[in-house]
Amino acid sequence: MELRHLRCFLAVAEELHFARAAEKLHIEQSPLSRTIRELEEDLGERLFVRTSRSTRLTQAGKLFLEHVPRVFTALQQARDSVNVAANGFRGQLRIALSDGITPSRLPALMAMCRQEEPEVAIRLFQVPLSQQLKGLQDDLYDVGFAQSEEVGEGISAEAVWSDPLMVAVPARHYLLKHRRIPLDEVLQFPLVLCDPLACEGHARQIERVLRRADREPLIAERVTSFELMMVVVSAGFALGLAGGPHIAASREHGVVARPLAGRSPMLTTYLLRRAGKASEFLSRFIDRVQAIDLPAGARSPFSPDPDPSEEIEL
């Protein structure tokens, strides 16, 4: 098995069409078909079912597809490691981000890393939670951030940051009569929420909050980013549920952030890493993560117990 076999397999698996895959690879269809046959013979299993009308992955092909992309990721990381050394760095930290890490903290964390340990290269990867967990297990990432502690065996999850869950409300909306909005009243209106496939951990935490109410939520839209969520809210189509800093970071005008009535639910961000002793680089990074928060005595505009007159309009 050679890398060309894997490249051809990926192209066909992505296109599910041999002619388009051949065009994508800039080769003729005949050598592509021959390469796939060689790969199937080497594995002893058919990877595709091909008819005159369609091409689809077999079960073996689907399982093979789960692993092949990581081969190319590992190869690219090996090349990047060489470049890191060539550019004078002593080491690197590969950081996976899932669920939309709190935007107000990431720049401060990166700046602290650069200031305190400039000889260590920082590389960021924005990936779904499932891919992060596989990457941590396969040593593709050193550490990650996600809003889930359901990480399985071999991975540790440490709660590092918490932010109050807030309601993103269109300007001039009926619910703005409340300084703190009751959850039951929120659920009288359509909601725009993050897609669980894109923000799995965040979606789980939101689901736990929504289960507290007797009313079934009306989900008008599932989006893949908080930025798009704020677009939908700003247009007046729905209310959004997100951490305060994510709403504040939005560039959309006409969005007001309001806390929920009662004790504000908190969204927790976890630091994920392989279980066991951390490297020196990683240990120092974890210390910085724990230091990135509000200074002692400072008050966030997203505090769970704000002054009743506080509101944030974006």
C-alpha atoms as a PDB file:
ATOM      1  CA  MET A   1       0.000   0.000   0.000  1.00  0.00           C
ATOM      2  CA  GLU A   2       1.366   3.379  -1.013  1.00  0.00           C
ATOM      3  CA  LEU A   3       0.266   6.946  -0.410  1.00  0.00           C
ATOM      4  CA  ARG A   4      -1.043   7.148  -3.987  1.00  0.00           C
ATOM      5  CA  HIS A   5      -3.518   4.377  -3.153  1.00  0.00           C
ATOM      6  CA  LEU A   6      -4.798   6.369  -0.188  1.00  0.00           C
ATOM      7  CA  ARG A   7      -5.038   9.613  -2.174  1.00  0.00           C
ATOM      8  CA  CYS A   8      -7.074   7.869  -4.856  1.00  0.00           C
ATOM      9  CA  PHE A   9      -9.307   6.243  -2.258  1.00  0.00           C
ATOM     10  CA  LEU A  10      -9.995   9.602  -0.580  1.00  0.00           C
ATOM     11  CA  ALA A  11     -10.828  11.270  -3.878  1.00  0.00           C
ATOM     12  CA  VAL A  12     -13.342   8.577  -4.844  1.00  0.00           C
ATOM     13  CA  ALA A  13     -14.798   8.456  -1.304  1.00  0.00           C
ATOM     14  CA  GLU A  14     -15.333  12.226  -1.349  1.00  0.00           C
ATOM     15  CA  GLU A  15     -16.767  12.413  -4.866  1.00  0.00           C
ATOM     16  CA  LEU A  16     -18.485   9.009  -5.040  1.00  0.00           C
ATOM     17  CA  HIS A  17     -17.904   9.318  -8.761  1.00  0.00           C
ATOM     18  CA  PHE A  18     -14.853   7.890 -10.548  1.00  0.00           C
ATOM     19  CA  ALA A  19     -14.845  10.406 -13.397  1.00  0.00           C
ATOM     20  CA  ARG A  20     -14.992  13.415 -11.060  1.00  0.00           C
ATOM     21  CA  ALA A  21     -12.388  11.856  -8.760  1.00  0.00           C
ATOM     22  CA  ALA A  22     -10.048  11.304 -11.712  1.00  0.00           C
ATOM     23  CA  GLU A  23     -10.522  14.907 -12.791  1.00  0.00           C
ATOM     24  CA  LYS A  24      -9.800  16.074  -9.247  1.00  0.00           C
ATOM     25  CA  LEU A  25      -6.561  14.060  -9.203  1.00  0.00           C
ATOM     26  CA  HIS A  26      -5.625  15.167 -12.748  1.00  0.00           C
ATOM     27  CA  ILE A  27      -5.333  11.582 -13.973  1.00  0.00           C
ATOM     28  CA  GLU A  28      -7.276   9.370 -16.362  1.00  0.00           C
ATOM     29  CA  GLN A  29     -10.159   7.287 -15.057  1.00  0.00           C
ATOM     30  CA  SER A  30      -8.560   3.980 -16.092  1.00  0.00           C
ATOM     31  CA  PRO A  31      -5.437   4.258 -13.855  1.00  0.00           C
ATOM     32  CA  LEU A  32      -7.675   5.468 -11.009  1.00  0.00           C
ATOM     33  CA  SER A  33      -9.842   2.358 -11.273  1.00  0.00           C
ATOM     34  CA  ARG A  34      -6.721   0.188 -11.426  1.00  0.00           C
ATOM     35  CA  THR A  35      -5.299   1.831  -8.287  1.00  0.00           C
ATOM     36  CA  ILE A  36      -8.532   1.238  -6.352  1.00  0.00           C
ATOM     37  CA  ARG A  37      -8.508  -2.431  -7.420  1.00  0.00           C
ATOM     38  CA  GLU A  38      -4.915  -2.754  -6.199  1.00  0.00           C
ATOM     39  CA  LEU A  39      -5.892  -1.264  -2.842  1.00  0.00           C
ATOM     40  CA  GLU A  40      -8.880  -3.590  -2.485  1.00  0.00           C
ATOM     41  CA  GLU A  41      -6.717  -6.595  -3.346  1.00  0.00           C
ATOM     42  CA  ASP A  42      -4.156  -5.534  -0.754  1.00  0.00           C
ATOM     43  CA  LEU A  43      -6.845  -5.146   1.924  1.00  0.00           C
ATOM     44  CA  GLY A  44      -8.783  -8.220   0.864  1.00  0.00           C
ATOM     45  CA  GLU A  45     -12.061  -6.293   0.935  1.00  0.00           C
ATOM     46  CA  ARG A  46     -14.167  -4.318  -1.505  1.00  0.00           C
ATOM     47  CA  LEU A  47     -14.263  -0.642  -0.621  1.00  0.00           C
ATOM     48  CA  PHE A  48     -16.788   0.542  -3.202  1.00  0.00           C
ATOM     49  CA  VAL A  49     -19.920  -0.817  -4.839  1.00  0.00           C
ATOM     50  CA  ARG A  50     -19.896   0.550  -8.367  1.00  0.00           C
ATOM     51  CA  THR A  51     -22.779   0.401 -10.827  1.00  0.00           C
ATOM     52  CA  SER A  52     -23.500   2.182 -14.084  1.00  0.00           C
ATOM     53  CA  ARG A  53     -25.523   4.753 -12.148  1.00  0.00           C
ATOM     54  CA  SER A  54     -23.783   5.218  -8.814  1.00  0.00           C
ATOM     55  CA  THR A  55     -20.755   4.588  -6.618  1.00  0.00           C
ATOM     56  CA  ARG A  56     -21.064   4.027  -2.876  1.00  0.00           C
ATOM     57  CA  LEU A  57     -18.837   2.953  -0.022  1.00  0.00           C
ATOM     58  CA  THR A  58     -19.165  -0.524   1.406  1.00  0.00           C
ATOM     59  CA  GLN A  59     -19.174  -0.954   5.191  1.00  0.00           C
ATOM     60  CA  ALA A  60     -15.468  -1.781   4.993  1.00  0.00           C
ATOM     61  CA  GLY A  61     -14.954   1.366   2.920  1.00  0.00           C
ATOM     62  CA  LYS A  62     -16.738   3.502   5.506  1.00  0.00           C
ATOM     63  CA  LEU A  63     -14.572   2.113   8.292  1.00  0.00           C
ATOM     64  CA  PHE A  64     -11.423   2.620   6.212  1.00  0.00           C
ATOM     65  CA  LEU A  65     -12.460   6.223   5.538  1.00  0.00           C
ATOM     66  CA  GLU A  66     -12.505   6.947   9.286  1.00  0.00           C
ATOM     67  CA  HIS A  67      -8.748   6.289   9.464  1.00  0.00           C
ATOM     68  CA  VAL A  68      -7.230   7.381   6.160  1.00  0.00           C
ATOM     69  CA  PRO A  69      -7.511  11.179   6.665  1.00  0.00           C
ATOM     70  CA  ARG A  70      -5.491  10.858   9.883  1.00  0.00           C
ATOM     71  CA  VAL A  71      -2.631   9.344   7.878  1.00  0.00           C
ATOM     72  CA  PHE A  72      -2.354  12.530   5.843  1.00  0.00           C
ATOM     73  CA  THR A  73      -2.799  14.687   8.939  1.00  0.00           C
ATOM     74  CA  ALA A  74       0.085  12.868  10.633  1.00  0.00           C
ATOM     75  CA  LEU A  75       2.230  13.218   7.518  1.00  0.00           C
ATOM     76  CA  GLN A  76       1.526  16.954   7.311  1.00  0.00           C
ATOM     77  CA  GLN A  77       2.332  17.355  10.987  1.00  0.00           C
ATOM     78  CA  ALA A  78       5.644  15.561  10.489  1.00  0.00           C
ATOM     79  CA  ARG A  79       6.481  18.051   7.734  1.00  0.00           C
ATOM     80  CA  ASP A  80       5.375  20.942   9.917  1.00  0.00           C
ATOM     81  CA  SER A  81       7.596  19.699  12.741  1.00  0.00           C
ATOM     82  CA  VAL A  82      10.583  19.882  10.423  1.00  0.00           C
ATOM     83  CA  ASN A  83       9.616  23.447   9.510  1.00  0.00           C
ATOM     84  CA  VAL A  84       9.228  24.305  13.205  1.00  0.00           C
ATOM     85  CA  ALA A  85      12.778  23.154  13.889  1.00  0.00           C
ATOM     86  CA  ALA A  86      14.095  24.909  10.773  1.00  0.00           C
ATOM     87  CA  ASN A  87      12.558  28.187  11.958  1.00  0.00           C
ATOM     88  CA  GLY A  88      14.370  28.051  15.272  1.00  0.00           C
ATOM     89  CA  PHE A  89      11.625  26.798  17.581  1.00  0.00           C
ATOM     90  CA  ARG A  90      12.534  24.340  20.342  1.00  0.00           C
ATOM     91  CA  GLY A  91       9.182  22.626  20.294  1.00  0.00           C
ATOM     92  CA  GLN A  92       5.501  22.955  19.470  1.00  0.00           C
ATOM     93  CA  LEU A  93       2.084  22.582  21.035  1.00  0.00           C
ATOM     94  CA  ARG A  94      -0.771  21.333  18.842  1.00  0.00           C
ATOM     95  CA  ILE A  95      -4.053  22.690  20.196  1.00  0.00           C
ATOM     96  CA  ALA A  96      -7.459  21.463  19.025  1.00  0.00           C
ATOM     97  CA  LEU A  97     -10.470  23.762  19.427  1.00  0.00           C
ATOM     98  CA  SER A  98     -14.067  22.520  19.469  1.00  0.00           C
ATOM     99  CA  ASP A  99     -17.428  24.098  20.333  1.00  0.00           C
ATOM    100  CA  GLY A 100     -16.107  27.639  19.812  1.00  0.00           C
ATOM    101  CA  ILE A 101     -13.638  28.435  22.595  1.00  0.00           C
ATOM    102  CA  THR A 102     -14.493  31.633  24.480  1.00  0.00           C
ATOM    103  CA  PRO A 103     -13.269  34.356  22.091  1.00  0.00           C
ATOM    104  CA  SER A 104     -12.225  36.786  24.821  1.00  0.00           C
ATOM    105  CA  ARG A 105      -9.748  34.321  26.307  1.00  0.00           C
ATOM    106  CA  LEU A 106      -8.008  32.789  23.302  1.00  0.00           C
ATOM    107  CA  PRO A 107      -6.144  35.940  22.182  1.00  0.00           C
ATOM    108  CA  ALA A 108      -4.965  36.590  25.748  1.00  0.00           C
ATOM    109  CA  LEU A 109      -3.785  32.998  26.094  1.00  0.00           C
ATOM    110  CA  MET A 110      -1.889  33.080  22.797  1.00  0.00           C
ATOM    111  CA  ALA A 111      -0.276  36.398  23.720  1.00  0.00           C
ATOM    112  CA  MET A 112       0.852  35.016  27.070  1.00  0.00           C
ATOM    113  CA  CYS A 113       2.351  31.945  25.379  1.00  0.00           C
ATOM    114  CA  ARG A 114       4.231  34.121  22.916  1.00  0.00           C
ATOM    115  CA  GLN A 115       5.533  36.413  25.640  1.00  0.00           C
ATOM    116  CA  GLU A 116       6.592  33.757  28.140  1.00  0.00           C
ATOM    117  CA  GLU A 117       7.776  30.994  25.816  1.00  0.00           C
ATOM    118  CA  PRO A 118       8.413  32.390  22.327  1.00  0.00           C
ATOM    119  CA  GLU A 119      10.608  29.433  21.392  1.00  0.00           C
ATOM    120  CA  VAL A 120       7.565  27.091  21.418  1.00  0.00           C
ATOM    121  CA  ALA A 121       5.438  27.162  18.272  1.00  0.00           C
ATOM    122  CA  ILE A 122       1.659  27.142  18.787  1.00  0.00           C
ATOM    123  CA  ARG A 123      -0.513  25.450  16.153  1.00  0.00           C
ATOM    124  CA  LEU A 124      -4.310  25.635  16.269  1.00  0.00           C
ATOM    125  CA  PHE A 125      -6.789  23.169  14.759  1.00  0.00           C
ATOM    126  CA  GLN A 126     -10.533  23.895  14.700  1.00  0.00           C
ATOM    127  CA  VAL A 127     -12.250  20.489  14.617  1.00  0.00           C
ATOM    128  CA  PRO A 128     -15.469  18.770  15.755  1.00  0.00           C
ATOM    129  CA  LEU A 129     -15.321  17.171  19.200  1.00  0.00           C
ATOM    130  CA  SER A 130     -15.263  13.605  17.859  1.00  0.00           C
ATOM    131  CA  GLN A 131     -12.263  14.438  15.675  1.00  0.00           C
ATOM    132  CA  GLN A 132     -10.520  16.131  18.593  1.00  0.00           C
ATOM    133  CA  LEU A 133     -10.909  13.053  20.784  1.00  0.00           C
ATOM    134  CA  LYS A 134      -9.559  10.760  18.068  1.00  0.00           C
ATOM    135  CA  GLY A 135      -6.707  13.169  17.435  1.00  0.00           C
ATOM    136  CA  LEU A 136      -5.761  13.277  21.101  1.00  0.00           C
ATOM    137  CA  GLN A 137      -5.769   9.489  21.283  1.00  0.00           C
ATOM    138  CA  ASP A 138      -3.677   9.211  18.116  1.00  0.00           C
ATOM    139  CA  ASP A 139      -1.190  11.890  19.250  1.00  0.00           C
ATOM    140  CA  LEU A 140      -2.217  14.295  16.500  1.00  0.00           C
ATOM    141  CA  TYR A 141      -2.940  16.969  19.140  1.00  0.00           C
ATOM    142  CA  ASP A 142      -1.294  17.679  22.481  1.00  0.00           C
ATOM    143  CA  VAL A 143      -4.231  19.402  24.136  1.00  0.00           C
ATOM    144  CA  GLY A 144      -7.699  20.623  23.290  1.00  0.00           C
ATOM    145  CA  PHE A 145     -10.607  22.765  24.431  1.00  0.00           C
ATOM    146  CA  ALA A 146     -14.264  21.723  24.279  1.00  0.00           C
ATOM    147  CA  GLN A 147     -17.496  22.164  26.193  1.00  0.00           C
ATOM    148  CA  SER A 148     -17.815  18.483  27.044  1.00  0.00           C
ATOM    149  CA  GLU A 149     -16.485  16.253  29.781  1.00  0.00           C
ATOM    150  CA  GLU A 150     -17.827  13.117  28.071  1.00  0.00           C
ATOM    151  CA  VAL A 151     -14.486  12.151  26.569  1.00  0.00           C
ATOM    152  CA  GLY A 152     -14.124   8.396  27.066  1.00  0.00           C
ATOM    153  CA  GLU A 153     -11.202   6.384  28.387  1.00  0.00           C
ATOM    154  CA  GLY A 154      -7.634   7.599  28.095  1.00  0.00           C
ATOM    155  CA  ILE A 155      -8.581  11.297  27.937  1.00  0.00           C
ATOM    156  CA  SER A 156      -8.793  13.633  30.929  1.00  0.00           C
ATOM    157  CA  ALA A 157     -11.165  16.608  31.055  1.00  0.00           C
ATOM    158  CA  GLU A 158     -10.499  19.494  33.438  1.00  0.00           C
ATOM    159  CA  ALA A 159     -12.975  22.346  33.839  1.00  0.00           C
ATOM    160  CA  VAL A 160     -11.049  25.570  33.265  1.00  0.00           C
ATOM    161  CA  TRP A 161     -13.489  28.361  32.320  1.00  0.00           C
ATOM    162  CA  SER A 162     -17.158  29.114  32.874  1.00  0.00           C
ATOM    163  CA  ASP A 163     -19.423  31.687  31.243  1.00  0.00           C
ATOM    164  CA  PRO A 164     -23.097  32.471  31.951  1.00  0.00           C
ATOM    165  CA  LEU A 165     -25.568  31.273  29.359  1.00  0.00           C
ATOM    166  CA  MET A 166     -27.432  34.259  27.932  1.00  0.00           C
ATOM    167  CA  VAL A 167     -30.267  34.897  25.508  1.00  0.00           C
ATOM    168  CA  ALA A 168     -29.457  36.734  22.270  1.00  0.00           C
ATOM    169  CA  VAL A 169     -32.552  38.812  21.534  1.00  0.00           C
ATOM    170  CA  PRO A 170     -33.308  40.950  18.460  1.00  0.00           C
ATOM    171  CA  ALA A 171     -33.531  44.667  19.233  1.00  0.00           C
ATOM    172  CA  ARG A 172     -37.084  45.900  19.985  1.00  0.00           C
ATOM    173  CA  HIS A 173     -38.237  42.358  20.744  1.00  0.00           C
ATOM    174  CA  TYR A 174     -41.196  41.792  23.089  1.00  0.00           C
ATOM    175  CA  LEU A 175     -38.996  39.920  25.611  1.00  0.00           C
ATOM    176  CA  LEU A 176     -36.790  42.948  26.227  1.00  0.00           C
ATOM    177  CA  LYS A 177     -39.354  44.093  28.772  1.00  0.00           C
ATOM    178  CA  HIS A 178     -37.583  41.587  31.059  1.00  0.00           C
ATOM    179  CA  ARG A 179     -34.211  42.390  32.614  1.00  0.00           C
ATOM    180  CA  ARG A 180     -33.914  38.660  33.231  1.00  0.00           C
ATOM    181  CA  ILE A 181     -35.932  36.487  30.885  1.00  0.00           C
ATOM    182  CA  PRO A 182     -37.791  33.442  32.241  1.00  0.00           C
ATOM    183  CA  LEU A 183     -36.870  30.289  30.319  1.00  0.00           C
ATOM    184  CA  ASP A 184     -40.549  29.438  29.795  1.00  0.00           C
ATOM    185  CA  GLU A 185     -41.037  32.747  27.974  1.00  0.00           C
ATOM    186  CA  VAL A 186     -37.925  32.189  25.842  1.00  0.00           C
ATOM    187  CA  LEU A 187     -39.431  28.897  24.700  1.00  0.00           C
ATOM    188  CA  GLN A 188     -42.533  30.634  23.390  1.00  0.00           C
ATOM    189  CA  PHE A 189     -40.411  31.854  20.463  1.00  0.00           C
ATOM    190  CA  PRO A 190     -38.360  30.066  17.775  1.00  0.00           C
ATOM    191  CA  LEU A 191     -34.729  29.357  18.665  1.00  0.00           C
ATOM    192  CA  VAL A 192     -31.556  29.248  16.611  1.00  0.00           C
ATOM    193  CA  LEU A 193     -29.050  26.806  18.116  1.00  0.00           C
ATOM    194  CA  CYS A 194     -25.659  25.411  17.198  1.00  0.00           C
ATOM    195  CA  ASP A 195     -25.670  22.187  15.197  1.00  0.00           C
ATOM    196  CA  PRO A 196     -24.577  19.262  17.424  1.00  0.00           C
ATOM    197  CA  LEU A 197     -22.364  17.983  14.596  1.00  0.00           C
ATOM    198  CA  ALA A 198     -20.374  21.227  14.670  1.00  0.00           C
ATOM    199  CA  CYS A 199     -20.595  22.078  18.397  1.00  0.00           C
ATOM    200  CA  GLU A 200     -21.341  18.768  20.086  1.00  0.00           C
ATOM    201  CA  GLY A 201     -20.329  19.670  23.640  1.00  0.00           C
ATOM    202  CA  HIS A 202     -22.001  23.082  23.555  1.00  0.00           C
ATOM    203  CA  ALA A 203     -25.195  21.523  22.185  1.00  0.00           C
ATOM    204  CA  ARG A 204     -25.248  18.983  25.041  1.00  0.00           C
ATOM    205  CA  GLN A 205     -25.003  21.710  27.675  1.00  0.00           C
ATOM    206  CA  ILE A 206     -27.789  23.712  26.022  1.00  0.00           C
ATOM    207  CA  GLU A 207     -29.957  20.598  25.813  1.00  0.00           C
ATOM    208  CA  ARG A 208     -29.571  20.023  29.562  1.00  0.00           C
ATOM    209  CA  VAL A 209     -30.800  23.572  30.212  1.00  0.00           C
ATOM    210  CA  LEU A 210     -33.780  23.211  27.881  1.00  0.00           C
ATOM    211  CA  ARG A 211     -34.820  19.957  29.560  1.00  0.00           C
ATOM    212  CA  ARG A 212     -35.551  21.933  32.736  1.00  0.00           C
ATOM    213  CA  ALA A 213     -38.618  23.478  31.110  1.00  0.00           C
ATOM    214  CA  ASP A 214     -41.943  21.761  30.604  1.00  0.00           C
ATOM    215  CA  ARG A 215     -42.334  23.289  27.149  1.00  0.00           C
ATOM    216  CA  GLU A 216     -40.805  21.684  24.044  1.00  0.00           C
ATOM    217  CA  PRO A 217     -38.513  24.160  22.258  1.00  0.00           C
ATOM    218  CA  LEU A 218     -39.209  25.190  18.678  1.00  0.00           C
ATOM    219  CA  ILE A 219     -35.899  24.960  16.825  1.00  0.00           C
ATOM    220  CA  ALA A 220     -36.124  27.247  13.799  1.00  0.00           C
ATOM    221  CA  GLU A 221     -32.519  26.796  12.660  1.00  0.00           C
ATOM    222  CA  ARG A 222     -29.350  24.816  13.415  1.00  0.00           C
ATOM    223  CA  VAL A 223     -26.168  26.687  12.524  1.00  0.00           C
ATOM    224  CA  THR A 224     -22.496  25.765  12.484  1.00  0.00           C
ATOM    225  CA  SER A 225     -21.104  28.864  14.193  1.00  0.00           C
ATOM    226  CA  PHE A 226     -21.990  31.512  16.743  1.00  0.00           C
ATOM    227  CA  GLU A 227     -21.389  34.179  14.109  1.00  0.00           C
ATOM    228  CA  LEU A 228     -24.175  32.755  11.951  1.00  0.00           C
ATOM    229  CA  MET A 229     -26.393  32.416  15.022  1.00  0.00           C
ATOM    230  CA  MET A 230     -26.075  36.163  15.632  1.00  0.00           C
ATOM    231  CA  VAL A 231     -26.921  36.870  11.982  1.00  0.00           C
ATOM    232  CA  VAL A 232     -30.191  34.953  12.355  1.00  0.00           C
ATOM    233  CA  VAL A 233     -30.977  36.730  15.643  1.00  0.00           C
ATOM    234  CA  SER A 234     -30.147  40.156  14.224  1.00  0.00           C
ATOM    235  CA  ALA A 235     -32.514  39.502  11.314  1.00  0.00           C
ATOM    236  CA  GLY A 236     -35.302  38.844  13.813  1.00  0.00           C
ATOM    237  CA  PHE A 237     -35.969  35.227  12.837  1.00  0.00           C
ATOM    238  CA  ALA A 238     -35.255  33.650  16.236  1.00  0.00           C
ATOM    239  CA  LEU A 239     -33.703  33.946  19.683  1.00  0.00           C
ATOM    240  CA  GLY A 240     -30.249  32.518  20.321  1.00  0.00           C
ATOM    241  CA  LEU A 241     -28.682  30.804  23.325  1.00  0.00           C
ATOM    242  CA  ALA A 242     -24.945  31.244  23.811  1.00  0.00           C
ATOM    243  CA  GLY A 243     -22.271  32.244  26.284  1.00  0.00           C
ATOM    244  CA  GLY A 244     -22.091  35.952  27.046  1.00  0.00           C
ATOM    245  CA  PRO A 245     -18.627  36.466  25.483  1.00  0.00           C
ATOM    246  CA  HIS A 246     -19.760  34.863  22.208  1.00  0.00           C
ATOM    247  CA  ILE A 247     -22.663  37.293  21.965  1.00  0.00           C
ATOM    248  CA  ALA A 248     -20.402  40.220  22.846  1.00  0.00           C
ATOM    249  CA  ALA A 249     -17.879  39.170  20.181  1.00  0.00           C
ATOM    250  CA  SER A 250     -20.552  39.323  17.475  1.00  0.00           C
ATOM    251  CA  ARG A 251     -20.248  42.075  14.876  1.00  0.00           C
ATOM    252  CA  GLU A 252     -23.970  42.026  14.202  1.00  0.00           C
ATOM    253  CA  HIS A 253     -25.913  45.123  15.209  1.00  0.00           C
ATOM    254  CA  GLY A 254     -29.325  44.958  16.790  1.00  0.00           C
ATOM    255  CA  VAL A 255     -28.639  42.040  19.141  1.00  0.00           C
ATOM    256  CA  VAL A 256     -29.233  42.426  22.884  1.00  0.00           C
ATOM    257  CA  ALA A 257     -27.814  39.959  25.438  1.00  0.00           C
ATOM    258  CA  ARG A 258     -30.015  39.228  28.443  1.00  0.00           C
ATOM    259  CA  PRO A 259     -29.517  36.714  31.276  1.00  0.00           C
ATOM    260  CA  LEU A 260     -32.074  34.070  32.112  1.00  0.00           C
ATOM    261  CA  ALA A 261     -34.235  34.549  35.192  1.00  0.00           C
ATOM    262  CA  GLY A 262     -33.121  32.882  38.384  1.00  0.00           C
ATOM    263  CA  ARG A 263     -29.676  31.417  38.821  1.00  0.00           C
ATOM    264  CA  SER A 264     -27.911  31.773  35.461  1.00  0.00           C
ATOM    265  CA  PRO A 265     -26.844  28.432  33.956  1.00  0.00           C
ATOM    266  CA  MET A 266     -23.105  28.326  33.296  1.00  0.00           C
ATOM    267  CA  LEU A 267     -21.420  26.984  30.155  1.00  0.00           C
ATOM    268  CA  THR A 268     -18.201  25.195  31.093  1.00  0.00           C
ATOM    269  CA  THR A 269     -15.119  24.889  28.902  1.00  0.00           C
ATOM    270  CA  TYR A 270     -12.876  21.886  29.532  1.00  0.00           C
ATOM    271  CA  LEU A 271      -9.214  21.353  28.793  1.00  0.00           C
ATOM    272  CA  LEU A 272      -8.759  17.912  27.241  1.00  0.00           C
ATOM    273  CA  ARG A 273      -5.539  15.910  27.018  1.00  0.00           C
ATOM    274  CA  ARG A 274      -4.290  12.370  27.082  1.00  0.00           C
ATOM    275  CA  ALA A 275      -4.286  10.897  30.574  1.00  0.00           C
ATOM    276  CA  GLY A 276      -0.889  10.607  32.233  1.00  0.00           C
ATOM    277  CA  LYS A 277       2.002  12.897  32.964  1.00  0.00           C
ATOM    278  CA  ALA A 278       2.132  16.049  30.845  1.00  0.00           C
ATOM    279  CA  SER A 279       5.274  17.225  29.087  1.00  0.00           C
ATOM    280  CA  GLU A 280       7.086  20.305  30.389  1.00  0.00           C
ATOM    281  CA  PHE A 281       5.723  22.418  27.533  1.00  0.00           C
ATOM    282  CA  LEU A 282       2.175  21.219  28.179  1.00  0.00           C
ATOM    283  CA  SER A 283       2.414  21.667  31.959  1.00  0.00           C
ATOM    284  CA  ARG A 284       3.430  25.294  31.546  1.00  0.00           C
ATOM    285  CA  PHE A 285       0.651  25.807  29.004  1.00  0.00           C
ATOM    286  CA  ILE A 286      -1.933  24.434  31.447  1.00  0.00           C
ATOM    287  CA  ASP A 287      -0.684  26.872  34.096  1.00  0.00           C
ATOM    288  CA  ARG A 288      -1.284  29.723  31.656  1.00  0.00           C
ATOM    289  CA  VAL A 289      -4.770  28.450  30.823  1.00  0.00           C
ATOM    290  CA  GLN A 290      -5.694  28.514  34.501  1.00  0.00           C
ATOM    291  CA  ALA A 291      -4.313  32.047  34.794  1.00  0.00           C
ATOM    292  CA  ILE A 292      -6.428  33.381  31.916  1.00  0.00           C
ATOM    293  CA  ASP A 293      -9.488  34.755  33.616  1.00  0.00           C
ATOM    294  CA  LEU A 294     -10.728  37.950  35.200  1.00  0.00           C
ATOM    295  CA  PRO A 295      -8.310  39.685  37.575  1.00  0.00           C
ATOM    296  CA  ALA A 296      -9.173  39.300  41.255  1.00  0.00           C
ATOM    297  CA  GLY A 297     -12.039  41.611  42.173  1.00  0.00           C
ATOM    298  CA  ALA A 298     -12.901  42.480  38.581  1.00  0.00           C
ATOM    299  CA  ARG A 299     -16.476  42.131  37.398  1.00  0.00           C
ATOM    300  CA  SER A 300     -17.474  40.859  33.991  1.00  0.00           C
ATOM    301  CA  PRO A 301     -20.418  42.444  32.149  1.00  0.00           C
ATOM    302  CA  PHE A 302     -21.587  38.835  31.798  1.00  0.00           C
ATOM    303  CA  SER A 303     -21.503  38.048  35.515  1.00  0.00           C
ATOM    304  CA  PRO A 304     -24.307  35.655  36.571  1.00  0.00           C
ATOM    305  CA  ASP A 305     -25.600  38.255  39.028  1.00  0.00           C
ATOM    306  CA  PRO A 306     -25.527  41.580  37.141  1.00  0.00           C
ATOM    307  CA  ASP A 307     -27.073  44.806  38.254  1.00  0.00           C
ATOM    308  CA  PRO A 308     -30.733  44.823  37.145  1.00  0.00           C
ATOM    309  CA  SER A 309     -30.101  47.805  34.908  1.00  0.00           C
ATOM    310  CA  GLU A 310     -27.329  46.133  32.947  1.00  0.00           C
ATOM    311  CA  GLU A 311     -27.818  45.048  29.373  1.00  0.00           C
ATOM    312  CA  ILE A 312     -25.534  44.659  26.411  1.00  0.00           C
ATOM    313  CA  GLU A 313     -26.579  45.836  22.975  1.00  0.00           C
ATOM    314  CA  LEU A 314     -24.420  44.871  20.015  1.00  0.00           C
END
